Amino acid sequence: MREEYELKHGRPNPYAARIGARGRAELLRWWAGATANVRVLPDDVAREFPDTESTVEALRLVVKLRAVKPNGSERKKRGAR
């Protein structure tokens, strides 16, 4: 997905008039809900995770690592030496 799109050569949607104001409002509500889950990755991160599967796998690993609590006894052992 691009940051910006050039729309100066665009044209109005010929079917938009068919759905009316009520249909447009419903479409806007749907679009707001559909795009709420979109996350834009920086270019360097997107190169490392080119597809959905690799991105999800990495994020699940991060979630598991965040759940692991550091063991305080290791710190004490290292400091005692």
PDB file of N, CA and C in Angstrom:
ATOM      1  N   MET A   1       0.842  -1.162   0.000  1.00  0.00           N
ATOM      2  CA  MET A   1       0.000   0.000   0.000  1.00  0.00           C
ATOM      3  C   MET A   1       0.898   1.240   0.000  1.00  0.00           C
ATOM      4  N   ARG A   2       0.612   2.172  -0.824  1.00  0.00           N
ATOM      5  CA  ARG A   2       1.416   3.384  -0.922  1.00  0.00           C
ATOM      6  C   ARG A   2       1.023   4.402   0.147  1.00  0.00           C
ATOM      7  N   GLU A   3       1.968   5.275   0.472  1.00  0.00           N
ATOM      8  CA  GLU A   3       1.676   6.368   1.408  1.00  0.00           C
ATOM      9  C   GLU A   3       0.686   7.346   0.778  1.00  0.00           C
ATOM     10  N   GLU A   4       0.865   7.645  -0.510  1.00  0.00           N
ATOM     11  CA  GLU A   4       0.010   8.602  -1.205  1.00  0.00           C
ATOM     12  C   GLU A   4      -0.347   8.057  -2.585  1.00  0.00           C
ATOM     13  N   TYR A   5      -1.475   8.486  -3.090  1.00  0.00           N
ATOM     14  CA  TYR A   5      -1.906   8.108  -4.424  1.00  0.00           C
ATOM     15  C   TYR A   5      -2.182   9.367  -5.235  1.00  0.00           C
ATOM     16  N   GLU A   6      -1.837   9.334  -6.505  1.00  0.00           N
ATOM     17  CA  GLU A   6      -2.102  10.449  -7.402  1.00  0.00           C
ATOM     18  C   GLU A   6      -3.503  10.254  -7.979  1.00  0.00           C
ATOM     19  N   LEU A   7      -4.419  11.155  -7.658  1.00  0.00           N
ATOM     20  CA  LEU A   7      -5.818  10.984  -8.054  1.00  0.00           C
ATOM     21  C   LEU A   7      -6.305  12.042  -9.038  1.00  0.00           C
ATOM     22  N   LYS A   8      -5.405  12.861  -9.614  1.00  0.00           N
ATOM     23  CA  LYS A   8      -5.859  13.949 -10.464  1.00  0.00           C
ATOM     24  C   LYS A   8      -6.471  13.455 -11.782  1.00  0.00           C
ATOM     25  N   HIS A   9      -6.162  12.227 -12.184  1.00  0.00           N
ATOM     26  CA  HIS A   9      -6.737  11.683 -13.413  1.00  0.00           C
ATOM     27  C   HIS A   9      -7.896  10.723 -13.121  1.00  0.00           C
ATOM     28  N   GLY A  10      -8.366  10.709 -11.897  1.00  0.00           N
ATOM     29  CA  GLY A  10      -9.457   9.818 -11.524  1.00  0.00           C
ATOM     30  C   GLY A  10     -10.796  10.315 -12.036  1.00  0.00           C
ATOM     31  N   ARG A  11     -11.777   9.470 -11.937  1.00  0.00           N
ATOM     32  CA  ARG A  11     -13.122   9.861 -12.339  1.00  0.00           C
ATOM     33  C   ARG A  11     -14.102   9.360 -11.288  1.00  0.00           C
ATOM     34  N   PRO A  12     -15.241  10.012 -11.160  1.00  0.00           N
ATOM     35  CA  PRO A  12     -16.232   9.576 -10.174  1.00  0.00           C
ATOM     36  C   PRO A  12     -16.739   8.172 -10.483  1.00  0.00           C
ATOM     37  N   ASN A  13     -17.108   7.471  -9.445  1.00  0.00           N
ATOM     38  CA  ASN A  13     -17.648   6.131  -9.603  1.00  0.00           C
ATOM     39  C   ASN A  13     -19.064   6.242 -10.172  1.00  0.00           C
ATOM     40  N   PRO A  14     -19.317   5.660 -11.348  1.00  0.00           N
ATOM     41  CA  PRO A  14     -20.647   5.786 -11.954  1.00  0.00           C
ATOM     42  C   PRO A  14     -21.730   5.028 -11.186  1.00  0.00           C
ATOM     43  N   TYR A  15     -21.346   4.110 -10.320  1.00  0.00           N
ATOM     44  CA  TYR A  15     -22.332   3.313  -9.582  1.00  0.00           C
ATOM     45  C   TYR A  15     -22.654   3.904  -8.206  1.00  0.00           C
ATOM     46  N   ALA A  16     -21.934   4.933  -7.800  1.00  0.00           N
ATOM     47  CA  ALA A  16     -22.134   5.510  -6.467  1.00  0.00           C
ATOM     48  C   ALA A  16     -23.540   6.091  -6.308  1.00  0.00           C
ATOM     49  N   ALA A  17     -24.077   6.660  -7.358  1.00  0.00           N
ATOM     50  CA  ALA A  17     -25.412   7.257  -7.273  1.00  0.00           C
ATOM     51  C   ALA A  17     -26.486   6.205  -7.011  1.00  0.00           C
ATOM     52  N   ARG A  18     -26.243   4.982  -7.421  1.00  0.00           N
ATOM     53  CA  ARG A  18     -27.232   3.920  -7.250  1.00  0.00           C
ATOM     54  C   ARG A  18     -27.463   3.556  -5.781  1.00  0.00           C
ATOM     55  N   ILE A  19     -26.437   3.668  -4.946  1.00  0.00           N
ATOM     56  CA  ILE A  19     -26.596   3.219  -3.568  1.00  0.00           C
ATOM     57  C   ILE A  19     -27.205   4.284  -2.664  1.00  0.00           C
ATOM     58  N   GLY A  20     -27.176   5.551  -3.060  1.00  0.00           N
ATOM     59  CA  GLY A  20     -27.812   6.611  -2.297  1.00  0.00           C
ATOM     60  C   GLY A  20     -27.056   6.958  -1.030  1.00  0.00           C
ATOM     61  N   ALA A  21     -27.581   7.944  -0.301  1.00  0.00           N
ATOM     62  CA  ALA A  21     -26.930   8.442   0.914  1.00  0.00           C
ATOM     63  C   ALA A  21     -26.891   7.373   2.001  1.00  0.00           C
ATOM     64  N   ARG A  22     -27.979   6.634   2.150  1.00  0.00           N
ATOM     65  CA  ARG A  22     -28.034   5.591   3.178  1.00  0.00           C
ATOM     66  C   ARG A  22     -27.013   4.483   2.885  1.00  0.00           C
ATOM     67  N   GLY A  23     -26.919   4.097   1.635  1.00  0.00           N
ATOM     68  CA  GLY A  23     -25.950   3.081   1.236  1.00  0.00           C
ATOM     69  C   GLY A  23     -24.522   3.559   1.426  1.00  0.00           C
ATOM     70  N   ARG A  24     -24.251   4.849   1.138  1.00  0.00           N
ATOM     71  CA  ARG A  24     -22.910   5.396   1.336  1.00  0.00           C
ATOM     72  C   ARG A  24     -22.541   5.404   2.809  1.00  0.00           C
ATOM     73  N   ALA A  25     -23.495   5.750   3.666  1.00  0.00           N
ATOM     74  CA  ALA A  25     -23.232   5.752   5.112  1.00  0.00           C
ATOM     75  C   ALA A  25     -22.923   4.333   5.594  1.00  0.00           C
ATOM     76  N   GLU A  26     -23.675   3.374   5.104  1.00  0.00           N
ATOM     77  CA  GLU A  26     -23.428   1.974   5.474  1.00  0.00           C
ATOM     78  C   GLU A  26     -22.061   1.515   4.964  1.00  0.00           C
ATOM     79  N   LEU A  27     -21.719   1.904   3.755  1.00  0.00           N
ATOM     80  CA  LEU A  27     -20.428   1.557   3.184  1.00  0.00           C
ATOM     81  C   LEU A  27     -19.286   2.177   3.997  1.00  0.00           C
ATOM     82  N   LEU A  28     -19.440   3.405   4.434  1.00  0.00           N
ATOM     83  CA  LEU A  28     -18.425   4.058   5.263  1.00  0.00           C
ATOM     84  C   LEU A  28     -18.260   3.353   6.599  1.00  0.00           C
ATOM     85  N   ARG A  29     -19.359   2.928   7.210  1.00  0.00           N
ATOM     86  CA  ARG A  29     -19.273   2.174   8.470  1.00  0.00           C
ATOM     87  C   ARG A  29     -18.522   0.861   8.261  1.00  0.00           C
ATOM     88  N   TRP A  30     -18.829   0.176   7.159  1.00  0.00           N
ATOM     89  CA  TRP A  30     -18.130  -1.071   6.863  1.00  0.00           C
ATOM     90  C   TRP A  30     -16.647  -0.821   6.635  1.00  0.00           C
ATOM     91  N   TRP A  31     -16.318   0.214   5.864  1.00  0.00           N
ATOM     92  CA  TRP A  31     -14.922   0.499   5.544  1.00  0.00           C
ATOM     93  C   TRP A  31     -14.129   0.863   6.803  1.00  0.00           C
ATOM     94  N   ALA A  32     -14.737   1.606   7.708  1.00  0.00           N
ATOM     95  CA  ALA A  32     -14.051   1.974   8.953  1.00  0.00           C
ATOM     96  C   ALA A  32     -13.733   0.732   9.773  1.00  0.00           C
ATOM     97  N   GLY A  33     -14.635  -0.226   9.809  1.00  0.00           N
ATOM     98  CA  GLY A  33     -14.383  -1.467  10.541  1.00  0.00           C
ATOM     99  C   GLY A  33     -13.379  -2.367   9.854  1.00  0.00           C
ATOM    100  N   ALA A  34     -13.395  -2.370   8.530  1.00  0.00           N
ATOM    101  CA  ALA A  34     -12.491  -3.241   7.766  1.00  0.00           C
ATOM    102  C   ALA A  34     -11.055  -2.748   7.826  1.00  0.00           C
ATOM    103  N   THR A  35     -10.851  -1.444   7.893  1.00  0.00           N
ATOM    104  CA  THR A  35      -9.497  -0.897   7.893  1.00  0.00           C
ATOM    105  C   THR A  35      -8.944  -0.696   9.294  1.00  0.00           C
ATOM    106  N   ALA A  36      -9.710  -0.995  10.314  1.00  0.00           N
ATOM    107  CA  ALA A  36      -9.245  -0.798  11.688  1.00  0.00           C
ATOM    108  C   ALA A  36      -8.098  -1.738  12.037  1.00  0.00           C
ATOM    109  N   ASN A  37      -7.998  -2.864  11.357  1.00  0.00           N
ATOM    110  CA  ASN A  37      -6.964  -3.848  11.657  1.00  0.00           C
ATOM    111  C   ASN A  37      -5.722  -3.712  10.790  1.00  0.00           C
ATOM    112  N   VAL A  38      -5.660  -2.705   9.942  1.00  0.00           N
ATOM    113  CA  VAL A  38      -4.523  -2.528   9.049  1.00  0.00           C
ATOM    114  C   VAL A  38      -3.375  -1.884   9.809  1.00  0.00           C
ATOM    115  N   ARG A  39      -2.180  -2.477   9.685  1.00  0.00           N
ATOM    116  CA  ARG A  39      -0.968  -1.928  10.291  1.00  0.00           C
ATOM    117  C   ARG A  39       0.047  -1.734   9.183  1.00  0.00           C
ATOM    118  N   VAL A  40       0.656  -0.579   9.123  1.00  0.00           N
ATOM    119  CA  VAL A  40       1.641  -0.290   8.096  1.00  0.00           C
ATOM    120  C   VAL A  40       3.028  -0.504   8.693  1.00  0.00           C
ATOM    121  N   LEU A  41       3.821  -1.356   8.047  1.00  0.00           N
ATOM    122  CA  LEU A  41       5.168  -1.662   8.521  1.00  0.00           C
ATOM    123  C   LEU A  41       6.184  -0.751   7.846  1.00  0.00           C
ATOM    124  N   PRO A  42       7.219  -0.346   8.564  1.00  0.00           N
ATOM    125  CA  PRO A  42       8.301   0.390   7.916  1.00  0.00           C
ATOM    126  C   PRO A  42       8.960  -0.477   6.848  1.00  0.00           C
ATOM    127  N   ASP A  43       9.577   0.143   5.861  1.00  0.00           N
ATOM    128  CA  ASP A  43      10.152  -0.589   4.730  1.00  0.00           C
ATOM    129  C   ASP A  43      11.154  -1.648   5.157  1.00  0.00           C
ATOM    130  N   ASP A  44      12.021  -1.342   6.122  1.00  0.00           N
ATOM    131  CA  ASP A  44      13.041  -2.314   6.524  1.00  0.00           C
ATOM    132  C   ASP A  44      12.415  -3.545   7.165  1.00  0.00           C
ATOM    133  N   VAL A  45      11.353  -3.355   7.925  1.00  0.00           N
ATOM    134  CA  VAL A  45      10.664  -4.486   8.555  1.00  0.00           C
ATOM    135  C   VAL A  45       9.888  -5.276   7.497  1.00  0.00           C
ATOM    136  N   ALA A  46       9.255  -4.593   6.573  1.00  0.00           N
ATOM    137  CA  ALA A  46       8.494  -5.266   5.521  1.00  0.00           C
ATOM    138  C   ALA A  46       9.398  -6.138   4.648  1.00  0.00           C
ATOM    139  N   ARG A  47      10.649  -5.721   4.438  1.00  0.00           N
ATOM    140  CA  ARG A  47      11.580  -6.550   3.657  1.00  0.00           C
ATOM    141  C   ARG A  47      11.914  -7.850   4.390  1.00  0.00           C
ATOM    142  N   GLU A  48      11.997  -7.804   5.710  1.00  0.00           N
ATOM    143  CA  GLU A  48      12.313  -8.995   6.495  1.00  0.00           C
ATOM    144  C   GLU A  48      11.134  -9.958   6.587  1.00  0.00           C
ATOM    145  N   PHE A  49       9.926  -9.428   6.526  1.00  0.00           N
ATOM    146  CA  PHE A  49       8.709 -10.235   6.641  1.00  0.00           C
ATOM    147  C   PHE A  49       7.828  -9.977   5.420  1.00  0.00           C
ATOM    148  N   PRO A  50       8.117 -10.634   4.295  1.00  0.00           N
ATOM    149  CA  PRO A  50       7.447 -10.324   3.038  1.00  0.00           C
ATOM    150  C   PRO A  50       6.013 -10.833   2.921  1.00  0.00           C
ATOM    151  N   ASP A  51       5.609 -11.731   3.812  1.00  0.00           N
ATOM    152  CA  ASP A  51       4.249 -12.254   3.696  1.00  0.00           C
ATOM    153  C   ASP A  51       3.594 -12.347   5.074  1.00  0.00           C
ATOM    154  N   THR A  52       2.309 -12.614   5.063  1.00  0.00           N
ATOM    155  CA  THR A  52       1.530 -12.672   6.293  1.00  0.00           C
ATOM    156  C   THR A  52       2.016 -13.778   7.222  1.00  0.00           C
ATOM    157  N   GLU A  53       2.320 -14.942   6.657  1.00  0.00           N
ATOM    158  CA  GLU A  53       2.704 -16.088   7.485  1.00  0.00           C
ATOM    159  C   GLU A  53       3.969 -15.798   8.292  1.00  0.00           C
ATOM    160  N   SER A  54       4.996 -15.245   7.652  1.00  0.00           N
ATOM    161  CA  SER A  54       6.240 -14.972   8.373  1.00  0.00           C
ATOM    162  C   SER A  54       6.046 -13.870   9.415  1.00  0.00           C
ATOM    163  N   THR A  55       5.216 -12.903   9.116  1.00  0.00           N
ATOM    164  CA  THR A  55       4.947 -11.822  10.062  1.00  0.00           C
ATOM    165  C   THR A  55       4.223 -12.354  11.291  1.00  0.00           C
ATOM    166  N   VAL A  56       3.197 -13.166  11.086  1.00  0.00           N
ATOM    167  CA  VAL A  56       2.427 -13.732  12.189  1.00  0.00           C
ATOM    168  C   VAL A  56       3.295 -14.651  13.038  1.00  0.00           C
ATOM    169  N   GLU A  57       4.123 -15.464  12.394  1.00  0.00           N
ATOM    170  CA  GLU A  57       5.006 -16.362  13.128  1.00  0.00           C
ATOM    171  C   GLU A  57       5.957 -15.575  14.038  1.00  0.00           C
ATOM    172  N   ALA A  58       6.539 -14.510  13.511  1.00  0.00           N
ATOM    173  CA  ALA A  58       7.458 -13.690  14.308  1.00  0.00           C
ATOM    174  C   ALA A  58       6.732 -13.000  15.457  1.00  0.00           C
ATOM    175  N   LEU A  59       5.541 -12.502  15.201  1.00  0.00           N
ATOM    176  CA  LEU A  59       4.787 -11.827  16.262  1.00  0.00           C
ATOM    177  C   LEU A  59       4.360 -12.804  17.356  1.00  0.00           C
ATOM    178  N   ARG A  60       4.017 -14.025  16.983  1.00  0.00           N
ATOM    179  CA  ARG A  60       3.665 -15.025  18.001  1.00  0.00           C
ATOM    180  C   ARG A  60       4.867 -15.368  18.869  1.00  0.00           C
ATOM    181  N   LEU A  61       6.048 -15.413  18.272  1.00  0.00           N
ATOM    182  CA  LEU A  61       7.262 -15.648  19.035  1.00  0.00           C
ATOM    183  C   LEU A  61       7.517 -14.499  20.012  1.00  0.00           C
ATOM    184  N   VAL A  62       7.298 -13.281  19.573  1.00  0.00           N
ATOM    185  CA  VAL A  62       7.455 -12.121  20.459  1.00  0.00           C
ATOM    186  C   VAL A  62       6.485 -12.208  21.632  1.00  0.00           C
ATOM    187  N   VAL A  63       5.255 -12.608  21.368  1.00  0.00           N
ATOM    188  CA  VAL A  63       4.260 -12.742  22.434  1.00  0.00           C
ATOM    189  C   VAL A  63       4.715 -13.783  23.449  1.00  0.00           C
ATOM    190  N   LYS A  64       5.236 -14.909  22.972  1.00  0.00           N
ATOM    191  CA  LYS A  64       5.721 -15.953  23.881  1.00  0.00           C
ATOM    192  C   LYS A  64       6.905 -15.461  24.693  1.00  0.00           C
ATOM    193  N   LEU A  65       7.826 -14.743  24.055  1.00  0.00           N
ATOM    194  CA  LEU A  65       8.996 -14.232  24.769  1.00  0.00           C
ATOM    195  C   LEU A  65       8.614 -13.193  25.818  1.00  0.00           C
ATOM    196  N   ARG A  66       7.611 -12.408  25.544  1.00  0.00           N
ATOM    197  CA  ARG A  66       7.169 -11.409  26.513  1.00  0.00           C
ATOM    198  C   ARG A  66       6.546 -12.059  27.745  1.00  0.00           C
ATOM    199  N   ALA A  67       5.996 -13.248  27.575  1.00  0.00           N
ATOM    200  CA  ALA A  67       5.356 -13.945  28.691  1.00  0.00           C
ATOM    201  C   ALA A  67       6.381 -14.591  29.617  1.00  0.00           C
ATOM    202  N   VAL A  68       7.604 -14.796  29.143  1.00  0.00           N
ATOM    203  CA  VAL A  68       8.651 -15.421  29.956  1.00  0.00           C
ATOM    204  C   VAL A  68       9.178 -14.397  30.950  1.00  0.00           C
ATOM    205  N   LYS A  69       9.164 -14.766  32.226  1.00  0.00           N
ATOM    206  CA  LYS A  69       9.652 -13.871  33.277  1.00  0.00           C
ATOM    207  C   LYS A  69      11.138 -14.133  33.497  1.00  0.00           C
ATOM    208  N   PRO A  70      11.929 -13.080  33.652  1.00  0.00           N
ATOM    209  CA  PRO A  70      13.344 -13.302  33.953  1.00  0.00           C
ATOM    210  C   PRO A  70      13.498 -13.944  35.330  1.00  0.00           C
ATOM    211  N   ASN A  71      14.463 -14.848  35.448  1.00  0.00           N
ATOM    212  CA  ASN A  71      14.694 -15.561  36.696  1.00  0.00           C
ATOM    213  C   ASN A  71      15.622 -14.723  37.574  1.00  0.00           C
ATOM    214  N   GLY A  72      15.155 -14.269  38.704  1.00  0.00           N
ATOM    215  CA  GLY A  72      15.941 -13.429  39.603  1.00  0.00           C
ATOM    216  C   GLY A  72      17.103 -14.159  40.236  1.00  0.00           C
ATOM    217  N   SER A  73      17.036 -15.500  40.366  1.00  0.00           N
ATOM    218  CA  SER A  73      18.110 -16.249  41.004  1.00  0.00           C
ATOM    219  C   SER A  73      19.383 -16.219  40.154  1.00  0.00           C
ATOM    220  N   GLU A  74      19.267 -16.136  38.838  1.00  0.00           N
ATOM    221  CA  GLU A  74      20.452 -16.060  37.991  1.00  0.00           C
ATOM    222  C   GLU A  74      21.235 -14.779  38.252  1.00  0.00           C
ATOM    223  N   ARG A  75      20.528 -13.717  38.490  1.00  0.00           N
ATOM    224  CA  ARG A  75      21.205 -12.449  38.785  1.00  0.00           C
ATOM    225  C   ARG A  75      22.004 -12.537  40.072  1.00  0.00           C
ATOM    226  N   LYS A  76      21.437 -13.161  41.071  1.00  0.00           N
ATOM    227  CA  LYS A  76      22.098 -13.286  42.363  1.00  0.00           C
ATOM    228  C   LYS A  76      23.349 -14.151  42.241  1.00  0.00           C
ATOM    229  N   LYS A  77      23.258 -15.253  41.458  1.00  0.00           N
ATOM    230  CA  LYS A  77      24.394 -16.137  41.272  1.00  0.00           C
ATOM    231  C   LYS A  77      25.534 -15.408  40.568  1.00  0.00           C
ATOM    232  N   ARG A  78      25.228 -14.628  39.572  1.00  0.00           N
ATOM    233  CA  ARG A  78      26.260 -13.911  38.844  1.00  0.00           C
ATOM    234  C   ARG A  78      26.901 -12.848  39.712  1.00  0.00           C
ATOM    235  N   GLY A  79      26.118 -12.190  40.512  1.00  0.00           N
ATOM    236  CA  GLY A  79      26.641 -11.131  41.376  1.00  0.00           C
ATOM    237  C   GLY A  79      27.484 -11.688  42.518  1.00  0.00           C
ATOM    238  N   ALA A  80      27.268 -12.949  42.932  1.00  0.00           N
ATOM    239  CA  ALA A  80      27.987 -13.539  44.055  1.00  0.00           C
ATOM    240  C   ALA A  80      29.404 -13.940  43.692  1.00  0.00           C
ATOM    241  N   ARG A  81      29.688 -14.100  42.451  1.00  0.00           N
ATOM    242  CA  ARG A  81      31.023 -14.553  42.034  1.00  0.00           C
ATOM    243  C   ARG A  81      32.067 -13.540  42.222  1.00  0.00           C
TER     244      ARG A  81
END
